[in-house]
Protein backbone atom coordinates (compact mmCIF):
# COMPACT_ATOMS: atom_id res chain seq x y z
CA MET A 1 -133.76 3.50 -102.29
CA ARG A 2 -135.31 6.37 -104.24
CA PHE A 3 -133.44 8.56 -106.71
CA PRO A 4 -135.31 11.86 -107.22
CA GLY A 5 -134.07 12.26 -110.79
CA ARG A 6 -134.36 10.15 -113.92
CA PHE A 7 -131.94 7.39 -114.87
CA ALA A 8 -132.58 8.11 -118.54
CA GLU A 9 -131.08 11.59 -118.16
CA GLN A 10 -127.85 10.15 -116.74
CA LEU A 11 -127.29 7.39 -119.29
CA LEU A 12 -125.54 8.18 -122.58
CA ALA A 13 -126.40 5.69 -125.31
CA ASP A 14 -122.94 5.83 -126.90
CA GLN A 15 -121.14 5.45 -123.56
CA LEU A 16 -122.95 2.46 -122.04
CA HIS A 17 -119.92 0.24 -122.61
CA ARG A 18 -118.04 2.21 -119.93
CA VAL A 19 -120.83 3.46 -117.71
CA SER A 20 -119.73 4.64 -114.26
CA LEU A 21 -122.43 6.43 -112.28
CA SER A 22 -123.31 7.25 -108.70
CA PHE A 23 -126.86 8.30 -107.78
CA LEU A 24 -127.54 10.45 -104.74
CA VAL A 25 -130.69 8.94 -103.23
CA ASP A 26 -133.02 10.78 -100.87
CA ASP A 27 -134.70 7.80 -99.21
CA LEU A 28 -133.60 4.44 -97.85
CA VAL A 29 -135.99 1.80 -96.53
CA VAL A 30 -134.83 -1.62 -95.34
CA ARG A 31 -137.45 -4.38 -95.28
CA ARG A 32 -137.21 -7.90 -93.95
CA GLY A 33 -137.98 -10.53 -96.56
CA GLY A 34 -137.08 -13.88 -98.05
CA VAL A 35 -139.67 -16.47 -99.00
CA ALA A 36 -139.13 -18.86 -96.08
CA ALA A 37 -138.94 -16.09 -93.49
CA ASN A 38 -142.08 -14.41 -94.86
CA ILE A 39 -144.06 -17.64 -94.67
CA ALA A 40 -142.71 -18.51 -91.23
CA TYR A 41 -143.58 -15.02 -89.96
CA GLY A 42 -147.19 -15.45 -91.05
CA LEU A 43 -147.45 -18.89 -89.49
CA GLY A 44 -146.08 -17.50 -86.25
CA ARG A 45 -148.62 -14.66 -86.27
CA LEU A 46 -151.33 -17.31 -86.61
CA GLY A 47 -150.20 -19.10 -83.46
CA LEU A 48 -148.11 -21.90 -84.91
CA ARG A 49 -144.47 -22.68 -84.13
CA PRO A 50 -142.83 -22.94 -87.59
CA VAL A 51 -139.25 -24.16 -87.93
CA LEU A 52 -137.18 -22.04 -90.31
CA LEU A 53 -134.71 -24.04 -92.41
CA GLY A 54 -132.29 -22.05 -94.51
CA ALA A 55 -128.86 -20.44 -94.70
CA ALA A 56 -127.94 -16.95 -93.50
CA GLY A 57 -124.84 -14.93 -92.70
CA ALA A 58 -123.30 -13.63 -89.50
CA ASP A 59 -125.47 -10.54 -89.98
CA PHE A 60 -128.58 -12.61 -89.18
CA ASP A 61 -128.71 -11.82 -85.44
CA ASP A 62 -131.13 -8.89 -85.61
CA TYR A 63 -133.38 -10.72 -88.06
CA ARG A 64 -133.29 -13.83 -85.86
CA SER A 65 -134.48 -11.80 -82.87
CA TRP A 66 -137.37 -10.36 -84.90
CA LEU A 67 -138.51 -13.77 -86.14
CA GLU A 68 -138.19 -15.43 -82.75
CA ARG A 69 -140.29 -12.66 -81.19
CA HIS A 70 -142.99 -13.60 -83.70
CA GLY A 71 -142.98 -17.31 -82.94
CA VAL A 72 -140.45 -18.66 -85.45
CA ASP A 73 -137.99 -21.39 -84.42
CA CYS A 74 -134.61 -20.36 -85.88
CA ASP A 75 -132.48 -23.02 -84.18
CA PHE A 76 -131.77 -24.82 -87.45
CA VAL A 77 -130.73 -21.87 -89.61
CA HIS A 78 -127.26 -22.54 -91.02
CA ILE A 79 -124.91 -19.58 -90.46
CA SER A 80 -122.26 -19.10 -93.12
CA ALA A 81 -118.72 -18.38 -92.00
CA ASP A 82 -117.97 -16.35 -95.13
CA ALA A 83 -121.08 -14.91 -96.80
CA HIS A 84 -123.70 -12.36 -95.79
CA THR A 85 -127.42 -13.13 -95.77
CA ALA A 86 -129.02 -12.95 -99.24
CA ARG A 87 -130.06 -9.41 -100.14
CA PHE A 88 -132.02 -7.60 -102.83
CA VAL A 89 -131.10 -3.95 -103.36
CA CYS A 90 -133.24 -1.75 -105.59
CA THR A 91 -133.15 1.93 -106.56
CA THR A 92 -136.26 3.50 -108.14
CA ASP A 93 -136.24 6.81 -110.00
CA ALA A 94 -138.91 9.49 -110.55
CA ASP A 95 -140.29 7.53 -113.54
CA GLU A 96 -140.59 4.31 -111.49
CA CYS A 97 -137.70 2.81 -113.49
CA GLN A 98 -135.52 0.52 -111.41
CA ILE A 99 -131.92 -0.61 -111.17
CA ALA A 100 -131.55 -3.60 -108.88
CA SER A 101 -129.10 -6.25 -107.74
CA PHE A 102 -129.63 -9.58 -106.00
CA TYR A 103 -126.86 -10.99 -103.82
CA PRO A 104 -127.49 -14.68 -103.04
CA GLY A 105 -124.73 -14.86 -100.44
CA ALA A 106 -125.33 -17.54 -97.86
CA MET A 107 -128.24 -18.92 -99.89
CA ALA A 108 -125.64 -20.84 -101.90
CA GLU A 109 -125.00 -22.92 -98.77
CA GLY A 110 -128.61 -24.06 -98.54
CA GLU A 111 -127.58 -27.64 -99.24
CA ARG A 112 -125.95 -27.76 -95.80
CA VAL A 113 -129.32 -27.48 -94.07
CA GLU A 114 -130.30 -30.90 -92.77
CA ILE A 115 -134.02 -31.62 -92.43
CA ALA A 116 -133.43 -34.86 -90.53
CA ALA A 117 -131.79 -33.00 -87.62
CA ALA A 118 -134.80 -30.72 -87.24
CA ALA A 119 -137.21 -33.65 -87.47
CA ASP A 120 -135.30 -35.65 -84.84
CA ARG A 121 -134.93 -32.82 -82.35
CA ARG A 122 -138.51 -31.60 -82.77
CA GLY A 123 -140.08 -35.05 -82.58
CA GLY A 124 -141.16 -35.01 -86.22
CA LEU A 125 -142.42 -32.39 -88.65
CA ASP A 126 -146.04 -32.15 -89.78
CA LEU A 127 -145.16 -30.79 -93.21
CA VAL A 128 -142.03 -29.47 -94.92
CA LEU A 129 -142.61 -26.57 -97.31
CA VAL A 130 -139.76 -26.56 -99.83
CA ALA A 131 -139.88 -23.06 -101.30
CA ALA A 132 -137.64 -21.01 -103.59
CA ASP A 133 -133.99 -21.41 -102.57
CA ASP A 134 -130.74 -22.50 -104.11
CA PRO A 135 -131.97 -25.00 -106.79
CA ALA A 136 -129.63 -27.78 -105.65
CA ALA A 137 -130.86 -27.35 -102.08
CA MET A 138 -134.50 -27.51 -103.20
CA LEU A 139 -133.92 -30.82 -104.97
CA ARG A 140 -131.98 -32.21 -102.02
CA HIS A 141 -134.64 -31.18 -99.50
CA ALA A 142 -137.42 -32.79 -101.54
CA ALA A 143 -135.37 -35.99 -101.89
CA ARG A 144 -134.66 -36.07 -98.14
CA CYS A 145 -138.36 -35.69 -97.38
CA ARG A 146 -139.11 -38.70 -99.56
CA GLU A 147 -136.31 -40.70 -97.89
CA LEU A 148 -137.50 -39.79 -94.40
CA GLY A 149 -141.18 -40.28 -95.17
CA LEU A 150 -141.96 -36.63 -94.37
CA PRO A 151 -144.90 -35.03 -96.20
CA PHE A 152 -143.73 -32.02 -98.19
CA ALA A 153 -145.07 -29.20 -100.31
CA ALA A 154 -143.24 -28.25 -103.52
CA ASP A 155 -143.22 -24.50 -104.14
CA PRO A 156 -140.76 -23.81 -107.00
CA SER A 157 -141.79 -20.18 -107.64
CA GLN A 158 -139.27 -18.10 -109.62
CA GLN A 159 -136.67 -20.89 -109.48
CA LEU A 160 -138.60 -22.71 -112.22
CA ALA A 161 -136.52 -20.71 -114.67
CA LEU A 162 -133.33 -22.33 -113.35
CA LEU A 163 -134.56 -25.94 -113.23
CA SER A 164 -134.54 -28.31 -116.18
CA GLY A 165 -137.65 -30.27 -117.06
CA GLU A 166 -136.21 -33.41 -115.47
CA GLN A 167 -135.28 -31.50 -112.31
CA VAL A 168 -138.81 -30.09 -112.03
CA ARG A 169 -140.25 -33.59 -112.37
CA GLN A 170 -137.89 -34.84 -109.65
CA PHE A 171 -138.76 -31.92 -107.41
CA ILE A 172 -142.55 -32.27 -107.51
CA ASP A 173 -142.74 -36.08 -107.56
CA GLY A 174 -144.57 -37.32 -104.48
CA ALA A 175 -145.29 -33.85 -103.10
CA GLU A 176 -148.38 -33.63 -100.97
CA PHE A 177 -148.95 -30.10 -102.24
CA LEU A 178 -147.76 -28.24 -105.33
CA LEU A 179 -148.03 -24.45 -105.22
CA THR A 180 -147.65 -22.10 -108.19
CA ASN A 181 -149.30 -19.05 -109.66
CA GLU A 182 -151.14 -19.37 -112.98
CA TYR A 183 -148.14 -18.42 -115.12
CA GLU A 184 -145.86 -20.79 -113.23
CA LYS A 185 -148.38 -23.59 -113.67
CA ASP A 186 -148.25 -23.19 -117.46
CA LEU A 187 -144.46 -22.85 -117.40
CA LEU A 188 -144.12 -26.00 -115.31
CA GLU A 189 -146.21 -27.99 -117.76
CA ALA A 190 -144.28 -26.62 -120.74
CA ARG A 191 -140.91 -27.23 -119.08
CA THR A 192 -141.72 -30.82 -118.06
CA GLY A 193 -143.89 -31.83 -121.02
CA LEU A 194 -146.52 -33.05 -118.56
CA THR A 195 -150.22 -32.40 -119.00
CA ALA A 196 -152.25 -30.88 -116.17
CA ALA A 197 -153.65 -34.32 -115.38
CA GLU A 198 -150.18 -35.88 -115.35
CA VAL A 199 -148.95 -33.22 -112.94
CA ARG A 200 -151.86 -33.98 -110.61
CA ASP A 201 -150.99 -37.67 -110.76
CA ARG A 202 -147.58 -36.84 -109.27
CA VAL A 203 -148.86 -34.69 -106.39
CA GLY A 204 -151.66 -34.83 -103.87
CA VAL A 205 -153.15 -31.35 -104.14
CA GLN A 206 -152.34 -28.60 -106.63
CA VAL A 207 -152.81 -25.03 -105.43
CA THR A 208 -152.79 -22.34 -108.13
CA THR A 209 -152.99 -18.73 -106.99
CA LEU A 210 -154.85 -16.47 -109.42
CA GLY A 211 -153.88 -13.01 -108.17
CA ALA A 212 -156.91 -10.77 -107.83
CA LYS A 213 -159.17 -13.69 -108.78
CA GLY A 214 -158.25 -15.81 -105.75
CA VAL A 215 -157.07 -19.42 -105.85
CA ARG A 216 -157.88 -22.71 -107.58
CA ILE A 217 -157.39 -25.95 -105.65
CA THR A 218 -157.44 -29.34 -107.40
CA GLY A 219 -156.44 -32.82 -106.33
CA ARG A 220 -156.36 -36.45 -107.36
CA ASP A 221 -159.01 -37.40 -104.84
CA THR A 222 -160.81 -34.11 -104.27
CA PRO A 223 -163.16 -32.03 -106.43
CA ALA A 224 -161.73 -28.81 -107.83
CA VAL A 225 -162.70 -25.64 -105.99
CA GLU A 226 -162.11 -21.99 -106.83
CA VAL A 227 -162.04 -19.58 -103.92
CA PRO A 228 -162.56 -15.92 -104.83
CA ALA A 229 -160.11 -13.37 -103.48
CA VAL A 230 -160.75 -11.20 -100.44
CA PRO A 231 -161.32 -7.58 -101.51
CA VAL A 232 -158.60 -5.17 -100.41
CA ALA A 233 -158.95 -1.52 -99.49
CA SER A 234 -155.85 -0.66 -101.54
CA VAL A 235 -152.72 -2.42 -102.71
CA ALA A 236 -149.83 -0.76 -100.88
CA ASP A 237 -147.22 -3.39 -101.79
CA PRO A 238 -147.88 -6.72 -103.53
CA THR A 239 -144.51 -8.12 -102.44
CA GLY A 240 -145.05 -11.06 -100.11
CA GLY A 241 -148.73 -11.53 -100.87
CA GLY A 242 -148.16 -15.06 -102.13
CA ASP A 243 -146.07 -15.90 -99.08
CA ALA A 244 -148.83 -14.62 -96.79
CA PHE A 245 -151.34 -16.77 -98.66
CA ARG A 246 -149.20 -19.83 -97.93
CA SER A 247 -149.08 -18.90 -94.24
CA GLY A 248 -152.85 -18.73 -93.99
CA PHE A 249 -153.43 -21.80 -96.15
CA PHE A 250 -151.16 -24.12 -94.19
CA ALA A 251 -152.18 -22.68 -90.82
CA ALA A 252 -155.81 -23.50 -91.61
CA LEU A 253 -154.88 -27.03 -92.61
CA SER A 254 -152.94 -27.42 -89.37
CA TRP A 255 -156.10 -26.41 -87.50
CA GLY A 256 -157.91 -29.31 -89.15
CA LEU A 257 -159.95 -27.24 -91.62
CA GLY A 258 -160.63 -28.41 -95.17
CA LEU A 259 -159.09 -27.19 -98.40
CA GLU A 260 -161.77 -24.61 -99.20
CA ARG A 261 -161.51 -23.02 -95.76
CA ALA A 262 -157.72 -23.09 -96.08
CA GLY A 263 -157.99 -21.21 -99.37
CA GLN A 264 -160.26 -18.64 -97.73
CA VAL A 265 -157.92 -18.07 -94.80
CA GLY A 266 -154.97 -17.87 -97.19
CA ASN A 267 -156.73 -15.24 -99.27
CA ALA A 268 -157.59 -13.22 -96.17
CA VAL A 269 -154.02 -13.21 -94.85
CA ALA A 270 -152.76 -12.27 -98.31
CA ALA A 271 -155.15 -9.30 -98.31
CA PHE A 272 -153.67 -8.03 -95.05
CA ALA A 273 -150.17 -8.41 -96.50
CA VAL A 274 -150.73 -6.46 -99.73
CA GLU A 275 -152.40 -3.63 -97.80
CA ALA A 276 -149.14 -3.12 -95.86
CA VAL A 277 -145.77 -1.93 -97.16
CA GLY A 278 -143.33 -4.78 -96.70
CA PRO A 279 -143.96 -8.54 -96.50
CA GLN A 280 -143.72 -8.71 -92.69
CA GLU A 281 -145.44 -5.49 -91.70
CA TYR A 282 -149.05 -6.70 -91.45
CA HIS A 283 -150.83 -7.50 -88.19
CA LEU A 284 -153.32 -10.24 -87.44
CA ASP A 285 -155.75 -10.91 -84.63
CA HIS A 286 -158.96 -12.90 -84.25
CA ASP A 287 -161.28 -9.93 -84.63
CA ARG A 288 -159.66 -8.45 -87.74
CA LEU A 289 -159.41 -11.82 -89.48
CA GLY A 290 -162.98 -12.69 -88.51
CA GLU A 291 -164.37 -9.43 -89.86
CA ARG A 292 -162.53 -9.91 -93.14
CA LEU A 293 -163.80 -13.49 -93.49
CA ILE A 294 -167.40 -12.49 -92.73
CA ARG A 295 -167.39 -9.83 -95.43
CA ALA A 296 -165.83 -12.13 -98.03
CA TYR A 297 -167.23 -15.58 -97.21
CA GLY A 298 -169.96 -15.28 -94.59
CA ASP A 299 -170.58 -15.96 -90.92
CA ARG A 300 -170.18 -19.73 -91.11
CA CYS A 301 -166.66 -19.48 -92.47
CA ALA A 302 -165.64 -16.95 -89.81
CA ASP A 303 -167.18 -19.03 -87.01
CA GLU A 304 -165.39 -22.22 -88.10
CA VAL A 305 -162.07 -20.44 -88.39
CA ALA A 306 -162.47 -18.74 -85.01
CA ALA A 307 -163.26 -22.06 -83.34
CA ALA A 308 -160.31 -23.78 -85.02
CA TRP A 309 -157.81 -21.01 -84.31
CA THR A 310 -158.48 -21.08 -80.58
CA ALA A 311 -158.06 -24.86 -80.47
CA PRO A 312 -154.62 -26.50 -80.11
CA PRO A 313 -153.05 -27.00 -83.58
CA ALA A 314 -153.71 -30.40 -85.12
CA LEU A 315 -151.44 -32.24 -87.51
CA ALA A 316 -151.39 -30.80 -91.03
CA ALA A 317 -154.44 -32.04 -92.92
CA ARG A 318 -153.85 -34.58 -95.63
CA PRO A 319 -155.40 -34.28 -99.12
CA GLY A 320 -159.09 -35.06 -98.97
């Protein structure tokens, strides 16, 4: 929502202990979001059939229809009997100051999601991406993947702040992929007391997004590679750019492409996302993606991606 005035003019410094205010807003925009849904949306736009695992409320029906129309399998979303779907509500004033609230709602029931049921009914899962969720659910999902022998990617994101060092170590241990941005990488090492080399010893491939600089990919058995970002015409909304990167990265791996190509596709999809307002408002097709890849990485990259995208999806590529 947008408040046309200034919060500062409504707040009295000596009365903050009993503040009671109502702001008349002149604009309301509702956007679909959520880390898992954003990533699943991108994978669906790239021709895959992602399975969404998470918890939502009875108000999920409209969102379910949207996701299913874009190729997302929502059969295993847990529907809470009591809580609404998680929601972030933000009001911005004329000075770009913000007052916001986050309602976790059904997210607190994330532990009830059972990966084994999805794996059994879908004949296996190529890769489980455990992204930001209720912290207890994240730890449980990673543990279940290890128990079931399912390859998984650890993507702690903003939930690093809520996990202890020991919990972070438990979460990432044995992950095939570890995804963070540069700040989160440093925070993870500080929180766990692990060196960069020790972190890599616990995971297969470490993917560190670098914002406008692109992405760095390192692994135990693979040489490090830095993939420069795809230039964008303008940044309309950075929200969801990291999720879009993950969609492109893992889609490319599912097509059988290598890590460098996966980084390039991830960067390209992220560029489309930040040029649109809202994390699920961008559009993808072969021609637009190909043109973007040619400009950023050359004809060979675009040709390999085009050939892979039209082929039936392969199993998710393993490190190396």
